[in-house]
C-alpha atoms as a PDB file:
ATOM      1  CA  MET A   1      98.493  86.354 105.394  1.00  0.00           C
ATOM      2  CA  THR A   2      95.763  88.857 104.583  1.00  0.00           C
ATOM      3  CA  ILE A   3      93.231  90.203 107.063  1.00  0.00           C
ATOM      4  CA  LYS A   4      90.141  88.464 105.715  1.00  0.00           C
ATOM      5  CA  ASN A   5      90.755  85.471 107.477  1.00  0.00           C
ATOM      6  CA  PHE A   6      92.144  87.168 111.209  1.00  0.00           C
ATOM      7  CA  GLU A   7      90.221  87.434 113.910  1.00  0.00           C
ATOM      8  CA  PRO A   8      91.725  89.297 117.286  1.00  0.00           C
ATOM      9  CA  ILE A   9      91.158  87.609 120.109  1.00  0.00           C
ATOM     10  CA  GLY A  10      91.518  88.907 124.301  1.00  0.00           C
ATOM     11  CA  GLY A  11      90.183  92.171 123.951  1.00  0.00           C
ATOM     12  CA  ARG A  12      92.040  93.119 120.872  1.00  0.00           C
ATOM     13  CA  ILE A  13      91.185  95.613 117.626  1.00  0.00           C
ATOM     14  CA  LEU A  14      93.636  95.100 114.476  1.00  0.00           C
ATOM     15  CA  ILE A  15      94.168  98.964 113.253  1.00  0.00           C
ATOM     16  CA  GLU A  16      94.855 100.275 109.670  1.00  0.00           C
ATOM     17  CA  ILE A  17      97.476 102.725 110.097  1.00  0.00           C
ATOM     18  CA  ASN A  18      97.073 106.478 108.886  1.00  0.00           C
ATOM     19  CA  LYS A  19      99.857 106.783 106.659  1.00  0.00           C
ATOM     20  CA  GLU A  20      98.899 110.042 104.985  1.00  0.00           C
ATOM     21  CA  GLU A  21      97.478 113.130 105.837  1.00  0.00           C
ATOM     22  CA  THR A  22      95.054 114.205 102.802  1.00  0.00           C
ATOM     23  CA  THR A  23      92.914 117.652 103.003  1.00  0.00           C
ATOM     24  CA  SER A  24      89.471 118.431 101.367  1.00  0.00           C
ATOM     25  CA  SER A  25      91.075 118.243  98.249  1.00  0.00           C
ATOM     26  CA  GLY A  26      92.469 115.500  98.333  1.00  0.00           C
ATOM     27  CA  ILE A  27      96.128 116.955  98.559  1.00  0.00           C
ATOM     28  CA  VAL A  28      98.839 114.494  99.705  1.00  0.00           C
ATOM     29  CA  LEU A  29     100.377 116.508 103.104  1.00  0.00           C
ATOM     30  CA  GLN A  30     104.226 115.311 103.943  1.00  0.00           C
ATOM     31  CA  THR A  31     104.247 114.644 107.777  1.00  0.00           C
ATOM     32  CA  SER A  32     107.287 112.962 109.882  1.00  0.00           C
ATOM     33  CA  LYS A  33     105.151 112.800 112.700  1.00  0.00           C
ATOM     34  CA  GLU A  34     104.333 108.701 113.712  1.00  0.00           C
ATOM     35  CA  PRO A  35     100.410 108.332 112.874  1.00  0.00           C
ATOM     36  CA  GLU A  36      98.075 108.558 115.515  1.00  0.00           C
ATOM     37  CA  THR A  37      94.953 107.775 114.273  1.00  0.00           C
ATOM     38  CA  GLY A  38      93.689 104.709 111.964  1.00  0.00           C
ATOM     39  CA  LYS A  39      90.514 102.679 110.661  1.00  0.00           C
ATOM     40  CA  VAL A  40      89.667  99.657 112.599  1.00  0.00           C
ATOM     41  CA  VAL A  41      89.312  96.607 110.656  1.00  0.00           C
ATOM     42  CA  ALA A  42      89.136  93.442 112.736  1.00  0.00           C
ATOM     43  CA  VAL A  43      87.448  93.382 116.695  1.00  0.00           C
ATOM     44  CA  PHE A  44      86.957  90.695 119.225  1.00  0.00           C
ATOM     45  CA  LYS A  45      83.326  89.819 118.928  1.00  0.00           C
ATOM     46  CA  ASP A  46      83.134  90.529 122.747  1.00  0.00           C
ATOM     47  CA  LEU A  47      84.158  94.681 122.123  1.00  0.00           C
ATOM     48  CA  ASN A  48      81.108  94.916 119.262  1.00  0.00           C
ATOM     49  CA  ASP A  49      79.104  96.984 121.262  1.00  0.00           C
ATOM     50  CA  LYS A  50      82.092  99.102 122.035  1.00  0.00           C
ATOM     51  CA  ILE A  51      83.723  99.470 118.702  1.00  0.00           C
ATOM     52  CA  SER A  52      82.803  98.348 115.431  1.00  0.00           C
ATOM     53  CA  VAL A  53      85.225  97.603 112.035  1.00  0.00           C
ATOM     54  CA  GLY A  54      85.069 100.929 110.484  1.00  0.00           C
ATOM     55  CA  ASP A  55      85.498 103.480 113.042  1.00  0.00           C
ATOM     56  CA  SER A  56      88.115 105.602 112.686  1.00  0.00           C
ATOM     57  CA  VAL A  57      89.850 106.008 116.297  1.00  0.00           C
ATOM     58  CA  TYR A  58      92.812 108.133 117.760  1.00  0.00           C
ATOM     59  CA  TYR A  59      95.305 106.053 120.043  1.00  0.00           C
ATOM     60  CA  GLY A  60      98.182 108.286 120.585  1.00  0.00           C
ATOM     61  CA  ARG A  61     101.380 108.053 119.662  1.00  0.00           C
ATOM     62  CA  MET A  62     103.927 104.761 120.097  1.00  0.00           C
ATOM     63  CA  PRO A  63     100.435 102.498 121.756  1.00  0.00           C
ATOM     64  CA  ILE A  64     102.056  99.445 122.871  1.00  0.00           C
ATOM     65  CA  SER A  65     100.849  97.053 120.395  1.00  0.00           C
ATOM     66  CA  THR A  66     101.772  94.715 118.085  1.00  0.00           C
ATOM     67  CA  ALA A  67     102.773  96.166 114.226  1.00  0.00           C
ATOM     68  CA  ILE A  68     101.318  93.364 111.654  1.00  0.00           C
ATOM     69  CA  LYS A  69     102.204  92.815 108.070  1.00  0.00           C
ATOM     70  CA  PHE A  70      99.537  91.861 105.831  1.00  0.00           C
ATOM     71  CA  GLU A  71      99.689  91.989 102.051  1.00  0.00           C
ATOM     72  CA  GLU A  72      96.685  94.664 102.084  1.00  0.00           C
ATOM     73  CA  GLY A  73      99.222  96.822 104.528  1.00  0.00           C
ATOM     74  CA  GLU A  74     100.523  97.089 107.811  1.00  0.00           C
ATOM     75  CA  PHE A  75      98.523  97.463 111.096  1.00  0.00           C
ATOM     76  CA  PHE A  76      98.409  97.664 114.388  1.00  0.00           C
ATOM     77  CA  LEU A  77      97.085  94.971 117.037  1.00  0.00           C
ATOM     78  CA  LEU A  78      95.647  96.977 119.452  1.00  0.00           C
ATOM     79  CA  GLU A  79      93.774  96.784 123.582  1.00  0.00           C
ATOM     80  CA  LEU A  80      91.049  98.364 123.730  1.00  0.00           C
ATOM     81  CA  ARG A  81      92.763 100.533 126.565  1.00  0.00           C
ATOM     82  CA  ASP A  82      94.977 101.468 124.208  1.00  0.00           C
ATOM     83  CA  ILE A  83      92.374 103.650 122.162  1.00  0.00           C
ATOM     84  CA  LYS A  84      91.970 107.271 123.293  1.00  0.00           C
ATOM     85  CA  ALA A  85      89.542 107.868 121.216  1.00  0.00           C
ATOM     86  CA  ILE A  86      86.686 106.922 118.191  1.00  0.00           C
ATOM     87  CA  ILE A  87      86.236 110.112 115.506  1.00  0.00           C
ATOM     88  CA  ARG A  88      82.920 110.582 114.359  1.00  0.00           C
ATOM     89  CA  GLY A  89      81.817 112.235 111.233  1.00  0.00           C
ATOM     90  CA  ASP A  90      84.247 113.565 108.627  1.00  0.00           C
ATOM     91  CA  THR A  91      87.716 112.164 109.218  1.00  0.00           C
ATOM     92  CA  ASN A  92      89.590 114.447 106.893  1.00  0.00           C
ATOM     93  CA  GLU A  93      91.880 116.132 109.956  1.00  0.00           C
ATOM     94  CA  ASN A  94      92.904 119.149 107.587  1.00  0.00           C
ATOM     95  CA  ASP A  95      90.193 120.513 106.742  1.00  0.00           C
END
């Protein structure tokens, strides 16, 4: 299954899970904690005025979600209320 034919319903958002953190120079940092951020890859059509495909978001630890594996990787299917913040601008966390 691929994400290009996937459309969330019922106010849900599909988030690509950020698995690794990198510095601005491209060094990959090892981390043992669960990822807390991701990139929006699909949005229920009624939410487009609140959140958009391509937005980086903070959802915190252990969201109530459904983990879905696609050919492109692992994703979370979240509800809008599970998104704590939209991250604007440069998304390199360790600059």
